[in-house]
Amino acid sequence: MKISPLKTGLIGGFSAILLEVMFKVSPPPAYGLCVACHTRDLMNWIVNNLLGTNLGMAPVSKFLPVLTVIGLLIGALAGAIIHKDFKIRRTHNLVVGFILGVLVLNFALLMGGCPIRMALRAGYGDLFGLIGLVGIAIGAVVGSEVYLKKA
């Protein structure tokens, strides 16, 4: 059975809305599947509970951790293994890749701008969400062009 990305997105989106209504969950606006924010909240929840600190988190993450990121990783791994697409690939420089990943995540938190969150904000009718989404798209195209010209 093949499920397209469009169908998966629609099922996920409508499921999130249904669960939000059924369980009366009211996360902050546009928090639905923000990988940057959920990662921050998961790490802050772990540190707060282990070390007794009081790092900031979204109200929905105060009592139980948001495990969205873990679910995405497990789901992606399972999908890759099931479809025989899982391959360990060596990159040119692991340290540079790690540092770039940390920078992307931190900048996403600073501007509230992971692409999913920007799309959700634009969907809510937020002008800054639309501007942010267009900015991310332009940055990806320009960055790709610069990278591809170097290669």
N, C-alpha and C. Protein backbone atom coordinates (compact mmCIF):
# COMPACT_ATOMS: atom_id res chain seq x y z
N MET A 1 0.85 -1.17 0.00
CA MET A 1 0.00 0.00 0.00
C MET A 1 0.89 1.23 0.00
N LYS A 2 0.72 2.09 -0.97
CA LYS A 2 1.50 3.33 -1.06
C LYS A 2 0.67 4.50 -0.57
N ILE A 3 1.28 5.28 0.28
CA ILE A 3 0.63 6.49 0.76
C ILE A 3 1.51 7.66 0.34
N SER A 4 0.92 8.61 -0.35
CA SER A 4 1.69 9.76 -0.83
C SER A 4 1.98 10.72 0.32
N PRO A 5 3.00 11.55 0.15
CA PRO A 5 3.28 12.57 1.17
C PRO A 5 2.08 13.49 1.42
N LEU A 6 1.32 13.79 0.37
CA LEU A 6 0.15 14.65 0.53
C LEU A 6 -0.88 13.98 1.45
N LYS A 7 -1.17 12.70 1.20
CA LYS A 7 -2.13 11.99 2.05
C LYS A 7 -1.62 11.90 3.48
N THR A 8 -0.33 11.64 3.64
CA THR A 8 0.24 11.56 4.98
C THR A 8 0.10 12.89 5.71
N GLY A 9 0.38 13.99 5.03
CA GLY A 9 0.24 15.31 5.64
C GLY A 9 -1.19 15.62 6.01
N LEU A 10 -2.12 15.29 5.12
CA LEU A 10 -3.53 15.53 5.41
C LEU A 10 -4.01 14.70 6.60
N ILE A 11 -3.64 13.42 6.62
CA ILE A 11 -4.03 12.55 7.74
C ILE A 11 -3.42 13.06 9.03
N GLY A 12 -2.13 13.43 9.00
CA GLY A 12 -1.47 13.94 10.20
C GLY A 12 -2.10 15.24 10.69
N GLY A 13 -2.38 16.15 9.76
CA GLY A 13 -2.97 17.43 10.13
C GLY A 13 -4.36 17.29 10.73
N PHE A 14 -5.21 16.49 10.06
CA PHE A 14 -6.57 16.31 10.58
C PHE A 14 -6.56 15.52 11.89
N SER A 15 -5.62 14.59 12.04
CA SER A 15 -5.50 13.84 13.30
C SER A 15 -5.11 14.78 14.43
N ALA A 16 -4.18 15.69 14.16
CA ALA A 16 -3.76 16.65 15.19
C ALA A 16 -4.92 17.54 15.61
N ILE A 17 -5.70 18.00 14.64
CA ILE A 17 -6.86 18.84 14.96
C ILE A 17 -7.88 18.06 15.78
N LEU A 18 -8.14 16.83 15.37
CA LEU A 18 -9.10 15.99 16.08
C LEU A 18 -8.66 15.73 17.52
N LEU A 19 -7.39 15.38 17.70
CA LEU A 19 -6.88 15.13 19.05
C LEU A 19 -6.90 16.39 19.91
N GLU A 20 -6.58 17.53 19.29
CA GLU A 20 -6.60 18.79 20.02
C GLU A 20 -8.00 19.09 20.53
N VAL A 21 -9.01 18.83 19.69
CA VAL A 21 -10.40 19.09 20.09
C VAL A 21 -10.87 18.07 21.12
N MET A 22 -10.55 16.77 20.89
CA MET A 22 -11.02 15.72 21.79
C MET A 22 -10.44 15.85 23.20
N PHE A 23 -9.14 16.14 23.28
CA PHE A 23 -8.48 16.19 24.58
C PHE A 23 -8.33 17.61 25.12
N LYS A 24 -8.94 18.56 24.44
CA LYS A 24 -8.91 19.96 24.86
C LYS A 24 -7.48 20.44 25.12
N VAL A 25 -6.58 20.07 24.24
CA VAL A 25 -5.18 20.50 24.34
C VAL A 25 -5.10 21.85 23.67
N SER A 26 -4.49 22.79 24.35
CA SER A 26 -4.34 24.10 23.73
C SER A 26 -2.87 24.49 23.75
N PRO A 27 -2.08 23.94 22.83
CA PRO A 27 -0.68 24.36 22.76
C PRO A 27 -0.60 25.80 22.26
N PRO A 28 0.57 26.40 22.39
CA PRO A 28 0.72 27.75 21.84
C PRO A 28 0.42 27.74 20.34
N PRO A 29 0.00 28.85 19.76
CA PRO A 29 -0.29 28.87 18.34
C PRO A 29 0.93 28.43 17.51
N ALA A 30 0.67 27.62 16.52
CA ALA A 30 1.68 27.16 15.57
C ALA A 30 2.77 26.33 16.24
N TYR A 31 2.41 25.54 17.23
CA TYR A 31 3.38 24.71 17.92
C TYR A 31 3.24 23.25 17.49
N GLY A 32 2.30 22.95 16.63
CA GLY A 32 1.92 21.60 16.28
C GLY A 32 3.04 20.61 16.05
N LEU A 33 3.93 20.88 15.12
CA LEU A 33 4.99 19.93 14.79
C LEU A 33 6.28 20.70 14.53
N CYS A 34 6.62 21.57 15.44
CA CYS A 34 7.83 22.37 15.28
C CYS A 34 9.01 21.56 15.81
N VAL A 35 9.85 21.09 14.93
CA VAL A 35 10.96 20.22 15.33
C VAL A 35 11.92 20.97 16.24
N ALA A 36 12.18 22.23 15.96
CA ALA A 36 13.10 23.00 16.80
C ALA A 36 12.53 23.17 18.21
N CYS A 37 11.29 23.55 18.30
CA CYS A 37 10.68 23.80 19.62
C CYS A 37 10.49 22.52 20.41
N HIS A 38 10.07 21.46 19.74
CA HIS A 38 9.87 20.20 20.45
C HIS A 38 11.19 19.63 20.94
N THR A 39 12.26 19.80 20.17
CA THR A 39 13.58 19.35 20.61
C THR A 39 14.02 20.15 21.82
N ARG A 40 13.85 21.47 21.76
CA ARG A 40 14.19 22.32 22.90
C ARG A 40 13.41 21.91 24.14
N ASP A 41 12.10 21.70 23.99
CA ASP A 41 11.27 21.34 25.14
C ASP A 41 11.64 19.98 25.70
N LEU A 42 11.96 19.03 24.83
CA LEU A 42 12.36 17.70 25.30
C LEU A 42 13.66 17.79 26.09
N MET A 43 14.65 18.49 25.56
CA MET A 43 15.93 18.63 26.26
C MET A 43 15.76 19.41 27.57
N ASN A 44 14.98 20.48 27.54
CA ASN A 44 14.75 21.25 28.76
C ASN A 44 13.99 20.44 29.81
N TRP A 45 13.05 19.61 29.38
CA TRP A 45 12.30 18.76 30.31
C TRP A 45 13.23 17.77 30.98
N ILE A 46 14.13 17.16 30.19
CA ILE A 46 15.09 16.20 30.75
C ILE A 46 16.01 16.89 31.75
N VAL A 47 16.57 18.04 31.36
CA VAL A 47 17.50 18.76 32.25
C VAL A 47 16.77 19.24 33.50
N ASN A 48 15.56 19.78 33.35
CA ASN A 48 14.80 20.25 34.51
C ASN A 48 14.54 19.12 35.50
N ASN A 49 14.19 17.94 34.99
CA ASN A 49 13.86 16.84 35.88
C ASN A 49 15.10 16.17 36.47
N LEU A 50 16.20 16.17 35.76
CA LEU A 50 17.42 15.56 36.29
C LEU A 50 18.16 16.49 37.25
N LEU A 51 18.25 17.76 36.89
CA LEU A 51 19.08 18.69 37.65
C LEU A 51 18.28 19.68 38.50
N GLY A 52 16.97 19.64 38.40
CA GLY A 52 16.14 20.54 39.20
C GLY A 52 16.20 22.00 38.76
N THR A 53 16.54 22.23 37.50
CA THR A 53 16.59 23.60 36.99
C THR A 53 15.20 24.06 36.59
N ASN A 54 15.11 25.25 36.05
CA ASN A 54 13.82 25.79 35.63
C ASN A 54 13.96 26.42 34.24
N LEU A 55 14.42 25.62 33.28
CA LEU A 55 14.57 26.12 31.91
C LEU A 55 13.20 26.29 31.28
N GLY A 56 13.06 27.24 30.38
CA GLY A 56 11.77 27.56 29.78
C GLY A 56 11.27 26.49 28.83
N MET A 57 9.97 26.27 28.87
CA MET A 57 9.31 25.32 27.98
C MET A 57 7.91 25.84 27.67
N ALA A 58 7.34 25.31 26.62
CA ALA A 58 5.94 25.62 26.33
C ALA A 58 5.07 24.99 27.41
N PRO A 59 3.95 25.62 27.73
CA PRO A 59 3.09 25.09 28.80
C PRO A 59 2.65 23.64 28.57
N VAL A 60 2.46 23.26 27.33
CA VAL A 60 2.01 21.90 27.04
C VAL A 60 3.09 20.86 27.37
N SER A 61 4.34 21.28 27.52
CA SER A 61 5.45 20.36 27.78
C SER A 61 5.86 20.32 29.25
N LYS A 62 5.18 21.02 30.11
CA LYS A 62 5.62 21.12 31.51
C LYS A 62 5.56 19.79 32.26
N PHE A 63 4.49 19.02 32.09
CA PHE A 63 4.30 17.82 32.90
C PHE A 63 4.84 16.56 32.23
N LEU A 64 4.63 16.45 30.94
CA LEU A 64 5.13 15.30 30.19
C LEU A 64 5.93 15.81 29.00
N PRO A 65 6.98 15.10 28.65
CA PRO A 65 7.78 15.57 27.50
C PRO A 65 7.02 15.38 26.19
N VAL A 66 7.28 16.26 25.25
CA VAL A 66 6.73 16.12 23.92
C VAL A 66 7.69 15.23 23.13
N LEU A 67 7.24 14.07 22.73
CA LEU A 67 8.11 13.08 22.11
C LEU A 67 7.99 13.06 20.59
N THR A 68 7.57 14.16 20.01
CA THR A 68 7.39 14.24 18.57
C THR A 68 8.68 13.94 17.82
N VAL A 69 9.78 14.50 18.27
CA VAL A 69 11.06 14.33 17.58
C VAL A 69 11.50 12.87 17.61
N ILE A 70 11.32 12.22 18.76
CA ILE A 70 11.66 10.80 18.88
C ILE A 70 10.79 9.99 17.93
N GLY A 71 9.51 10.31 17.86
CA GLY A 71 8.60 9.61 16.95
C GLY A 71 8.98 9.81 15.49
N LEU A 72 9.38 11.03 15.13
CA LEU A 72 9.81 11.29 13.76
C LEU A 72 11.06 10.48 13.41
N LEU A 73 12.02 10.43 14.33
CA LEU A 73 13.24 9.66 14.08
C LEU A 73 12.96 8.17 13.95
N ILE A 74 12.15 7.63 14.85
CA ILE A 74 11.81 6.20 14.79
C ILE A 74 11.01 5.90 13.53
N GLY A 75 10.06 6.76 13.19
CA GLY A 75 9.26 6.56 11.98
C GLY A 75 10.10 6.62 10.72
N ALA A 76 11.00 7.60 10.65
CA ALA A 76 11.87 7.72 9.48
C ALA A 76 12.80 6.51 9.36
N LEU A 77 13.35 6.06 10.49
CA LEU A 77 14.21 4.88 10.48
C LEU A 77 13.44 3.64 10.06
N ALA A 78 12.25 3.46 10.61
CA ALA A 78 11.43 2.30 10.26
C ALA A 78 11.06 2.33 8.77
N GLY A 79 10.66 3.50 8.27
CA GLY A 79 10.32 3.61 6.86
C GLY A 79 11.50 3.32 5.95
N ALA A 80 12.67 3.80 6.32
CA ALA A 80 13.87 3.56 5.51
C ALA A 80 14.24 2.08 5.52
N ILE A 81 14.12 1.45 6.68
CA ILE A 81 14.46 0.02 6.76
C ILE A 81 13.45 -0.82 6.00
N ILE A 82 12.16 -0.53 6.16
CA ILE A 82 11.11 -1.29 5.48
C ILE A 82 11.25 -1.19 3.97
N HIS A 83 11.58 -0.01 3.46
CA HIS A 83 11.70 0.19 2.01
C HIS A 83 13.12 -0.02 1.50
N LYS A 84 13.96 -0.62 2.36
CA LYS A 84 15.34 -0.97 1.99
C LYS A 84 16.11 0.25 1.45
N ASP A 85 15.90 1.38 2.09
CA ASP A 85 16.57 2.61 1.68
C ASP A 85 17.56 3.10 2.73
N PHE A 86 17.71 2.34 3.82
CA PHE A 86 18.60 2.74 4.89
C PHE A 86 20.04 2.41 4.51
N LYS A 87 20.85 3.45 4.40
CA LYS A 87 22.27 3.29 4.09
C LYS A 87 23.03 4.27 4.95
N ILE A 88 24.08 3.79 5.58
CA ILE A 88 24.93 4.69 6.35
C ILE A 88 25.89 5.34 5.37
N ARG A 89 25.82 6.65 5.31
CA ARG A 89 26.66 7.39 4.37
C ARG A 89 27.66 8.23 5.13
N ARG A 90 28.84 8.27 4.65
CA ARG A 90 29.89 9.08 5.28
C ARG A 90 29.88 10.45 4.60
N THR A 91 29.85 11.49 5.39
CA THR A 91 29.90 12.83 4.83
C THR A 91 31.35 13.29 4.76
N HIS A 92 31.56 14.40 4.11
CA HIS A 92 32.92 14.89 3.94
C HIS A 92 33.54 15.34 5.26
N ASN A 93 32.76 15.94 6.14
CA ASN A 93 33.32 16.42 7.40
C ASN A 93 32.20 16.39 8.46
N LEU A 94 32.29 15.45 9.38
CA LEU A 94 31.25 15.28 10.39
C LEU A 94 31.14 16.48 11.33
N VAL A 95 32.27 17.08 11.67
CA VAL A 95 32.26 18.20 12.60
C VAL A 95 31.55 19.41 11.99
N VAL A 96 31.84 19.69 10.74
CA VAL A 96 31.19 20.81 10.06
C VAL A 96 29.68 20.56 9.96
N GLY A 97 29.29 19.34 9.61
CA GLY A 97 27.86 19.00 9.54
C GLY A 97 27.17 19.16 10.88
N PHE A 98 27.83 18.73 11.95
CA PHE A 98 27.26 18.86 13.29
C PHE A 98 27.10 20.33 13.67
N ILE A 99 28.14 21.11 13.44
CA ILE A 99 28.09 22.54 13.78
C ILE A 99 27.00 23.25 12.98
N LEU A 100 26.89 22.95 11.69
CA LEU A 100 25.84 23.56 10.87
C LEU A 100 24.45 23.17 11.37
N GLY A 101 24.27 21.92 11.76
CA GLY A 101 22.99 21.47 12.31
C GLY A 101 22.63 22.21 13.59
N VAL A 102 23.60 22.38 14.48
CA VAL A 102 23.37 23.12 15.73
C VAL A 102 23.01 24.57 15.42
N LEU A 103 23.71 25.17 14.46
CA LEU A 103 23.41 26.56 14.10
C LEU A 103 22.01 26.70 13.51
N VAL A 104 21.62 25.77 12.64
CA VAL A 104 20.28 25.83 12.04
C VAL A 104 19.21 25.73 13.12
N LEU A 105 19.39 24.80 14.05
CA LEU A 105 18.41 24.63 15.12
C LEU A 105 18.33 25.87 16.00
N ASN A 106 19.48 26.42 16.35
CA ASN A 106 19.48 27.61 17.21
C ASN A 106 18.89 28.82 16.50
N PHE A 107 19.20 29.01 15.24
CA PHE A 107 18.62 30.13 14.51
C PHE A 107 17.11 29.94 14.32
N ALA A 108 16.68 28.70 14.15
CA ALA A 108 15.24 28.44 14.06
C ALA A 108 14.55 28.83 15.36
N LEU A 109 15.19 28.55 16.49
CA LEU A 109 14.60 28.93 17.77
C LEU A 109 14.62 30.44 17.97
N LEU A 110 15.69 31.09 17.52
CA LEU A 110 15.77 32.54 17.69
C LEU A 110 14.70 33.26 16.92
N MET A 111 14.44 32.83 15.70
CA MET A 111 13.45 33.54 14.89
C MET A 111 12.10 32.84 14.86
N GLY A 112 11.97 31.72 15.60
CA GLY A 112 10.72 30.97 15.57
C GLY A 112 10.46 30.47 14.17
N GLY A 113 11.50 29.97 13.51
CA GLY A 113 11.37 29.75 12.09
C GLY A 113 11.72 28.41 11.51
N CYS A 114 11.32 27.31 12.12
CA CYS A 114 11.48 26.08 11.36
C CYS A 114 10.38 26.10 10.28
N PRO A 115 10.61 25.49 9.15
CA PRO A 115 9.65 25.59 8.04
C PRO A 115 8.24 25.12 8.40
N ILE A 116 8.14 24.10 9.23
CA ILE A 116 6.80 23.61 9.60
C ILE A 116 6.07 24.67 10.42
N ARG A 117 6.78 25.27 11.36
CA ARG A 117 6.15 26.30 12.18
C ARG A 117 5.76 27.50 11.33
N MET A 118 6.61 27.88 10.41
CA MET A 118 6.27 29.00 9.53
C MET A 118 5.04 28.68 8.68
N ALA A 119 4.97 27.45 8.18
CA ALA A 119 3.80 27.05 7.39
C ALA A 119 2.54 27.07 8.24
N LEU A 120 2.65 26.60 9.49
CA LEU A 120 1.49 26.63 10.38
C LEU A 120 1.06 28.07 10.68
N ARG A 121 2.04 28.94 10.93
CA ARG A 121 1.70 30.35 11.19
C ARG A 121 1.06 30.98 9.97
N ALA A 122 1.58 30.67 8.78
CA ALA A 122 0.97 31.21 7.56
C ALA A 122 -0.44 30.66 7.40
N GLY A 123 -0.62 29.39 7.76
CA GLY A 123 -1.96 28.79 7.69
C GLY A 123 -2.94 29.44 8.65
N TYR A 124 -2.44 29.93 9.80
CA TYR A 124 -3.28 30.65 10.75
C TYR A 124 -3.58 32.07 10.27
N GLY A 125 -2.96 32.47 9.16
CA GLY A 125 -3.20 33.80 8.62
C GLY A 125 -2.22 34.85 9.13
N ASP A 126 -1.11 34.41 9.72
CA ASP A 126 -0.10 35.33 10.25
C ASP A 126 0.79 35.81 9.11
N LEU A 127 0.84 37.12 8.92
CA LEU A 127 1.64 37.70 7.84
C LEU A 127 3.12 37.39 8.03
N PHE A 128 3.61 37.46 9.28
CA PHE A 128 5.02 37.16 9.53
C PHE A 128 5.35 35.70 9.24
N GLY A 129 4.38 34.82 9.42
CA GLY A 129 4.58 33.42 9.07
C GLY A 129 4.78 33.27 7.56
N LEU A 130 3.97 33.98 6.79
CA LEU A 130 4.09 33.93 5.34
C LEU A 130 5.43 34.53 4.89
N ILE A 131 5.80 35.67 5.48
CA ILE A 131 7.09 36.29 5.14
C ILE A 131 8.24 35.36 5.51
N GLY A 132 8.16 34.73 6.68
CA GLY A 132 9.19 33.81 7.12
C GLY A 132 9.31 32.60 6.21
N LEU A 133 8.16 32.07 5.78
CA LEU A 133 8.16 30.91 4.88
C LEU A 133 8.78 31.27 3.53
N VAL A 134 8.44 32.43 3.00
CA VAL A 134 9.05 32.89 1.75
C VAL A 134 10.55 33.10 1.93
N GLY A 135 10.94 33.67 3.08
CA GLY A 135 12.36 33.89 3.36
C GLY A 135 13.14 32.58 3.45
N ILE A 136 12.56 31.58 4.09
CA ILE A 136 13.21 30.27 4.19
C ILE A 136 13.36 29.67 2.79
N ALA A 137 12.32 29.77 1.97
CA ALA A 137 12.38 29.22 0.61
C ALA A 137 13.46 29.92 -0.22
N ILE A 138 13.51 31.24 -0.14
CA ILE A 138 14.53 31.99 -0.88
C ILE A 138 15.92 31.62 -0.37
N GLY A 139 16.08 31.52 0.94
CA GLY A 139 17.37 31.13 1.51
C GLY A 139 17.80 29.74 1.07
N ALA A 140 16.85 28.81 0.99
CA ALA A 140 17.19 27.46 0.55
C ALA A 140 17.62 27.44 -0.91
N VAL A 141 16.92 28.20 -1.75
CA VAL A 141 17.27 28.25 -3.18
C VAL A 141 18.63 28.91 -3.37
N VAL A 142 18.83 30.06 -2.73
CA VAL A 142 20.11 30.77 -2.88
C VAL A 142 21.25 29.93 -2.30
N GLY A 143 21.03 29.35 -1.13
CA GLY A 143 22.06 28.51 -0.52
C GLY A 143 22.39 27.30 -1.37
N SER A 144 21.38 26.69 -1.97
CA SER A 144 21.61 25.53 -2.84
C SER A 144 22.39 25.93 -4.08
N GLU A 145 22.05 27.06 -4.65
CA GLU A 145 22.75 27.52 -5.85
C GLU A 145 24.22 27.78 -5.54
N VAL A 146 24.48 28.44 -4.41
CA VAL A 146 25.86 28.73 -4.03
C VAL A 146 26.62 27.42 -3.78
N TYR A 147 25.98 26.48 -3.08
CA TYR A 147 26.62 25.21 -2.78
C TYR A 147 26.88 24.41 -4.05
N LEU A 148 25.89 24.38 -4.95
CA LEU A 148 26.04 23.60 -6.19
C LEU A 148 27.09 24.20 -7.12
N LYS A 149 27.25 25.51 -7.09
CA LYS A 149 28.29 26.14 -7.93
C LYS A 149 29.68 25.83 -7.42
N LYS A 150 29.82 25.63 -6.09
CA LYS A 150 31.10 25.26 -5.51
C LYS A 150 31.48 23.83 -5.84
N ALA A 151 30.49 22.95 -5.93
CA ALA A 151 30.74 21.52 -6.13
C ALA A 151 31.17 21.19 -7.54
